[in-house]
Amino acid sequence: MKGRSLTGGSQFWLASLLIIAIIILSIGNYSRWWDIHSYVGPLHVHHWLSFIGAGYIAVFTPIYALAKRHSPQRFGTLLKIHVFGNLVAFLLISMHFTQHMGRPPQFAPTPGTGLTLYIIVALMVITGYMQRFRLAGRFSRTWRFVHVSLSVSFYIVLIVHVLHNLGLL
């Protein structure tokens, strides 16, 4: 894989289309083109989507980091699962975030850990995309450092976000 440009392949175009879909679906959700504010059990659908998305990132990211070192022969498969799984997770998280941000002004959420968490995940997606498809150029080591640092920040802010929303902080 070294030396080859990955930006022309089908994975690049599929990931790019998925990012465009995330943007369009997020705009539609924010604008209330559809309603995902119904309940499933005790919580709204968009909460369940965020639990699945954040849970996937929280569980699979360390598994990916360990597995790629212990099974280098499976690196390509692991990388595909990491990239596309996290893009789908970002879509689910985006549905939750835009559902909250699109509320009428009198019911607007207070910016805080949710906004911070969303920015971190969005930056993780951007830096991961840049690394995966070698768009970072000579700054690839810096992008990798930023990507890993954002991943650590994700866990810290996720814990604070959950504890805050449970009323424990």
C-alpha atoms as a PDB file:
ATOM      1  CA  MET A   1       0.000   0.000   0.000  1.00  0.00           C
ATOM      2  CA  LYS A   2       2.932   2.343   0.526  1.00  0.00           C
ATOM      3  CA  GLY A   3       3.734   4.597  -2.356  1.00  0.00           C
ATOM      4  CA  ARG A   4       0.356   4.187  -4.072  1.00  0.00           C
ATOM      5  CA  SER A   5      -2.111   7.035  -4.178  1.00  0.00           C
ATOM      6  CA  LEU A   6      -5.317   5.944  -2.536  1.00  0.00           C
ATOM      7  CA  THR A   7      -7.426   8.919  -3.587  1.00  0.00           C
ATOM      8  CA  GLY A   8      -8.490   7.439  -6.913  1.00  0.00           C
ATOM      9  CA  GLY A   9      -9.871   4.161  -5.643  1.00  0.00           C
ATOM     10  CA  SER A  10     -13.403   3.024  -4.990  1.00  0.00           C
ATOM     11  CA  GLN A  11     -12.945   3.343  -1.214  1.00  0.00           C
ATOM     12  CA  PHE A  12     -12.130   7.030  -1.588  1.00  0.00           C
ATOM     13  CA  TRP A  13     -15.247   7.659  -3.672  1.00  0.00           C
ATOM     14  CA  LEU A  14     -17.447   5.581  -1.379  1.00  0.00           C
ATOM     15  CA  ALA A  15     -16.155   7.424   1.709  1.00  0.00           C
ATOM     16  CA  SER A  16     -16.596  10.768  -0.045  1.00  0.00           C
ATOM     17  CA  LEU A  17     -20.187   9.899  -1.013  1.00  0.00           C
ATOM     18  CA  LEU A  18     -20.872   8.808   2.554  1.00  0.00           C
ATOM     19  CA  ILE A  19     -19.592  12.162   3.846  1.00  0.00           C
ATOM     20  CA  ILE A  20     -21.816  14.004   1.358  1.00  0.00           C
ATOM     21  CA  ALA A  21     -24.765  11.852   2.497  1.00  0.00           C
ATOM     22  CA  ILE A  22     -23.979  12.698   6.131  1.00  0.00           C
ATOM     23  CA  ILE A  23     -24.031  16.409   5.281  1.00  0.00           C
ATOM     24  CA  ILE A  24     -27.317  16.178   3.359  1.00  0.00           C
ATOM     25  CA  LEU A  25     -29.014  14.010   6.005  1.00  0.00           C
ATOM     26  CA  SER A  26     -27.787  16.333   8.756  1.00  0.00           C
ATOM     27  CA  ILE A  27     -29.184  19.381   6.973  1.00  0.00           C
ATOM     28  CA  GLY A  28     -32.477  17.562   6.412  1.00  0.00           C
ATOM     29  CA  ASN A  29     -32.691  16.500  10.023  1.00  0.00           C
ATOM     30  CA  TYR A  30     -31.843  19.984  11.281  1.00  0.00           C
ATOM     31  CA  SER A  31     -34.464  21.446   8.936  1.00  0.00           C
ATOM     32  CA  ARG A  32     -37.059  18.876  10.058  1.00  0.00           C
ATOM     33  CA  TRP A  33     -37.617  17.311   6.638  1.00  0.00           C
ATOM     34  CA  TRP A  34     -38.580  14.229   8.686  1.00  0.00           C
ATOM     35  CA  ASP A  35     -39.259  13.438  12.309  1.00  0.00           C
ATOM     36  CA  ILE A  36     -37.013  11.168  14.356  1.00  0.00           C
ATOM     37  CA  HIS A  37     -38.234  12.629  17.619  1.00  0.00           C
ATOM     38  CA  SER A  38     -40.471   9.668  18.394  1.00  0.00           C
ATOM     39  CA  TYR A  39     -39.890   7.318  21.300  1.00  0.00           C
ATOM     40  CA  VAL A  40     -38.472   3.833  21.354  1.00  0.00           C
ATOM     41  CA  GLY A  41     -38.842   2.689  24.915  1.00  0.00           C
ATOM     42  CA  PRO A  42     -37.985   5.437  27.363  1.00  0.00           C
ATOM     43  CA  LEU A  43     -35.873   7.518  24.931  1.00  0.00           C
ATOM     44  CA  HIS A  44     -36.164   9.269  21.596  1.00  0.00           C
ATOM     45  CA  VAL A  45     -34.923   7.524  18.450  1.00  0.00           C
ATOM     46  CA  HIS A  46     -32.129  10.062  18.023  1.00  0.00           C
ATOM     47  CA  HIS A  47     -30.777   9.215  21.489  1.00  0.00           C
ATOM     48  CA  TRP A  48     -30.579   5.533  20.570  1.00  0.00           C
ATOM     49  CA  LEU A  49     -28.783   6.480  17.345  1.00  0.00           C
ATOM     50  CA  SER A  50     -26.189   8.461  19.286  1.00  0.00           C
ATOM     51  CA  PHE A  51     -25.685   5.615  21.780  1.00  0.00           C
ATOM     52  CA  ILE A  52     -25.030   3.204  18.917  1.00  0.00           C
ATOM     53  CA  GLY A  53     -22.698   5.627  17.099  1.00  0.00           C
ATOM     54  CA  ALA A  54     -20.698   6.732  20.134  1.00  0.00           C
ATOM     55  CA  GLY A  55     -20.626   3.183  21.476  1.00  0.00           C
ATOM     56  CA  TYR A  56     -19.226   1.872  18.200  1.00  0.00           C
ATOM     57  CA  ILE A  57     -16.455   4.475  18.179  1.00  0.00           C
ATOM     58  CA  ALA A  58     -15.710   3.953  21.888  1.00  0.00           C
ATOM     59  CA  VAL A  59     -15.510   0.157  21.599  1.00  0.00           C
ATOM     60  CA  PHE A  60     -14.074  -0.423  18.146  1.00  0.00           C
ATOM     61  CA  THR A  61     -11.343   2.245  18.129  1.00  0.00           C
ATOM     62  CA  PRO A  62      -9.169   0.566  20.783  1.00  0.00           C
ATOM     63  CA  ILE A  63      -9.926  -2.857  19.273  1.00  0.00           C
ATOM     64  CA  TYR A  64      -8.724  -1.540  15.904  1.00  0.00           C
ATOM     65  CA  ALA A  65      -5.582  -0.019  17.449  1.00  0.00           C
ATOM     66  CA  LEU A  66      -4.662  -3.315  19.126  1.00  0.00           C
ATOM     67  CA  ALA A  67      -5.686  -5.623  16.293  1.00  0.00           C
ATOM     68  CA  LYS A  68      -3.737  -3.791  13.601  1.00  0.00           C
ATOM     69  CA  ARG A  69      -0.537  -4.352  15.601  1.00  0.00           C
ATOM     70  CA  HIS A  70      -1.255  -7.975  16.470  1.00  0.00           C
ATOM     71  CA  SER A  71      -2.620  -8.983  13.054  1.00  0.00           C
ATOM     72  CA  PRO A  72      -0.746  -6.946  10.439  1.00  0.00           C
ATOM     73  CA  GLN A  73      -1.893  -9.381   7.724  1.00  0.00           C
ATOM     74  CA  ARG A  74      -5.476  -8.226   8.374  1.00  0.00           C
ATOM     75  CA  PHE A  75      -4.635  -4.510   8.341  1.00  0.00           C
ATOM     76  CA  GLY A  76      -6.534  -3.762   5.118  1.00  0.00           C
ATOM     77  CA  THR A  77      -9.744  -5.341   6.383  1.00  0.00           C
ATOM     78  CA  LEU A  78      -9.407  -3.705   9.793  1.00  0.00           C
ATOM     79  CA  LEU A  79      -8.812  -0.315   8.183  1.00  0.00           C
ATOM     80  CA  LYS A  80     -11.962  -0.657   6.032  1.00  0.00           C
ATOM     81  CA  ILE A  81     -14.029  -1.577   9.083  1.00  0.00           C
ATOM     82  CA  HIS A  82     -12.516   1.330  11.031  1.00  0.00           C
ATOM     83  CA  VAL A  83     -13.068   3.926   8.297  1.00  0.00           C
ATOM     84  CA  PHE A  84     -16.546   2.946   7.151  1.00  0.00           C
ATOM     85  CA  GLY A  85     -17.798   1.903  10.578  1.00  0.00           C
ATOM     86  CA  ASN A  86     -16.768   5.255  12.034  1.00  0.00           C
ATOM     87  CA  LEU A  87     -18.360   7.132   9.128  1.00  0.00           C
ATOM     88  CA  VAL A  88     -21.660   5.345   9.768  1.00  0.00           C
ATOM     89  CA  ALA A  89     -21.242   6.031  13.503  1.00  0.00           C
ATOM     90  CA  PHE A  90     -20.675   9.722  12.687  1.00  0.00           C
ATOM     91  CA  LEU A  91     -23.903   9.697  10.660  1.00  0.00           C
ATOM     92  CA  LEU A  92     -25.814   8.325  13.657  1.00  0.00           C
ATOM     93  CA  ILE A  93     -24.241  10.878  16.000  1.00  0.00           C
ATOM     94  CA  SER A  94     -24.993  13.647  13.490  1.00  0.00           C
ATOM     95  CA  MET A  95     -28.683  12.705  13.503  1.00  0.00           C
ATOM     96  CA  HIS A  96     -28.763  13.132  17.287  1.00  0.00           C
ATOM     97  CA  PHE A  97     -26.813  16.385  17.235  1.00  0.00           C
ATOM     98  CA  THR A  98     -28.810  18.004  14.433  1.00  0.00           C
ATOM     99  CA  GLN A  99     -32.070  16.903  16.047  1.00  0.00           C
ATOM    100  CA  HIS A 100     -31.111  18.889  19.147  1.00  0.00           C
ATOM    101  CA  MET A 101     -29.669  21.871  17.294  1.00  0.00           C
ATOM    102  CA  GLY A 102     -32.731  22.158  15.063  1.00  0.00           C
ATOM    103  CA  ARG A 103     -35.125  22.675  17.960  1.00  0.00           C
ATOM    104  CA  PRO A 104     -37.083  25.948  18.108  1.00  0.00           C
ATOM    105  CA  PRO A 105     -35.257  28.795  19.912  1.00  0.00           C
ATOM    106  CA  GLN A 106     -37.405  28.555  23.038  1.00  0.00           C
ATOM    107  CA  PHE A 107     -36.328  24.915  23.422  1.00  0.00           C
ATOM    108  CA  ALA A 108     -32.743  25.313  22.216  1.00  0.00           C
ATOM    109  CA  PRO A 109     -30.140  23.183  23.945  1.00  0.00           C
ATOM    110  CA  THR A 110     -27.429  24.802  25.990  1.00  0.00           C
ATOM    111  CA  PRO A 111     -24.092  24.431  24.245  1.00  0.00           C
ATOM    112  CA  GLY A 112     -21.689  22.441  26.323  1.00  0.00           C
ATOM    113  CA  THR A 113     -20.314  18.943  26.310  1.00  0.00           C
ATOM    114  CA  GLY A 114     -22.565  17.863  23.411  1.00  0.00           C
ATOM    115  CA  LEU A 115     -21.241  20.574  21.109  1.00  0.00           C
ATOM    116  CA  THR A 116     -17.675  19.883  22.227  1.00  0.00           C
ATOM    117  CA  LEU A 117     -18.132  16.158  21.648  1.00  0.00           C
ATOM    118  CA  TYR A 118     -19.615  16.697  18.194  1.00  0.00           C
ATOM    119  CA  ILE A 119     -16.738  18.974  17.170  1.00  0.00           C
ATOM    120  CA  ILE A 120     -14.224  16.392  18.389  1.00  0.00           C
ATOM    121  CA  VAL A 121     -15.914  13.583  16.433  1.00  0.00           C
ATOM    122  CA  ALA A 122     -16.176  15.761  13.301  1.00  0.00           C
ATOM    123  CA  LEU A 123     -12.467  16.601  13.557  1.00  0.00           C
ATOM    124  CA  MET A 124     -11.672  12.909  14.089  1.00  0.00           C
ATOM    125  CA  VAL A 125     -13.519  12.136  10.852  1.00  0.00           C
ATOM    126  CA  ILE A 126     -11.713  14.901   8.957  1.00  0.00           C
ATOM    127  CA  THR A 127      -8.242  13.932  10.199  1.00  0.00           C
ATOM    128  CA  GLY A 128      -8.955  10.228   9.654  1.00  0.00           C
ATOM    129  CA  TYR A 129     -10.152  10.911   6.097  1.00  0.00           C
ATOM    130  CA  MET A 130      -7.053  13.007   5.416  1.00  0.00           C
ATOM    131  CA  GLN A 131      -4.781  10.244   6.704  1.00  0.00           C
ATOM    132  CA  ARG A 132      -6.577   7.325   5.103  1.00  0.00           C
ATOM    133  CA  PHE A 133      -6.580   8.809   1.647  1.00  0.00           C
ATOM    134  CA  ARG A 134      -3.182  10.454   1.979  1.00  0.00           C
ATOM    135  CA  LEU A 135      -4.438  13.984   1.566  1.00  0.00           C
ATOM    136  CA  ALA A 136      -2.257  15.305   4.383  1.00  0.00           C
ATOM    137  CA  GLY A 137       0.903  15.407   2.288  1.00  0.00           C
ATOM    138  CA  ARG A 138       4.051  16.184   4.214  1.00  0.00           C
ATOM    139  CA  PHE A 139       2.003  16.873   7.361  1.00  0.00           C
ATOM    140  CA  SER A 140       0.837  13.259   7.709  1.00  0.00           C
ATOM    141  CA  ARG A 141       2.675  12.741  11.020  1.00  0.00           C
ATOM    142  CA  THR A 142       1.063  15.888  12.429  1.00  0.00           C
ATOM    143  CA  TRP A 143      -2.389  14.780  11.239  1.00  0.00           C
ATOM    144  CA  ARG A 144      -1.826  11.379  12.869  1.00  0.00           C
ATOM    145  CA  PHE A 145      -0.866  13.045  16.157  1.00  0.00           C
ATOM    146  CA  VAL A 146      -3.955  15.266  16.006  1.00  0.00           C
ATOM    147  CA  HIS A 147      -6.178  12.276  15.127  1.00  0.00           C
ATOM    148  CA  VAL A 148      -4.912  10.197  18.061  1.00  0.00           C
ATOM    149  CA  SER A 149      -5.129  13.194  20.419  1.00  0.00           C
ATOM    150  CA  LEU A 150      -8.732  13.790  19.377  1.00  0.00           C
ATOM    151  CA  SER A 151      -9.488  10.134  20.064  1.00  0.00           C
ATOM    152  CA  VAL A 152      -8.220  10.498  23.626  1.00  0.00           C
ATOM    153  CA  SER A 153     -10.216  13.724  24.012  1.00  0.00           C
ATOM    154  CA  PHE A 154     -13.305  11.892  22.720  1.00  0.00           C
ATOM    155  CA  TYR A 155     -13.216   9.461  25.645  1.00  0.00           C
ATOM    156  CA  ILE A 156     -12.736  12.191  28.240  1.00  0.00           C
ATOM    157  CA  VAL A 157     -15.528  14.411  26.915  1.00  0.00           C
ATOM    158  CA  LEU A 158     -17.844  11.424  26.305  1.00  0.00           C
ATOM    159  CA  ILE A 159     -17.558  10.398  29.948  1.00  0.00           C
ATOM    160  CA  VAL A 160     -18.214  13.971  31.129  1.00  0.00           C
ATOM    161  CA  HIS A 161     -21.141  14.290  28.680  1.00  0.00           C
ATOM    162  CA  VAL A 162     -22.789  11.075  29.891  1.00  0.00           C
ATOM    163  CA  LEU A 163     -22.260  11.879  33.567  1.00  0.00           C
ATOM    164  CA  HIS A 164     -23.595  15.416  33.053  1.00  0.00           C
ATOM    165  CA  ASN A 165     -26.719  14.199  31.253  1.00  0.00           C
ATOM    166  CA  LEU A 166     -27.352  11.594  33.946  1.00  0.00           C
ATOM    167  CA  GLY A 167     -27.259  14.414  36.483  1.00  0.00           C
ATOM    168  CA  LEU A 168     -24.147  13.080  38.192  1.00  0.00           C
ATOM    169  CA  LEU A 169     -22.052  16.182  37.387  1.00  0.00           C
END
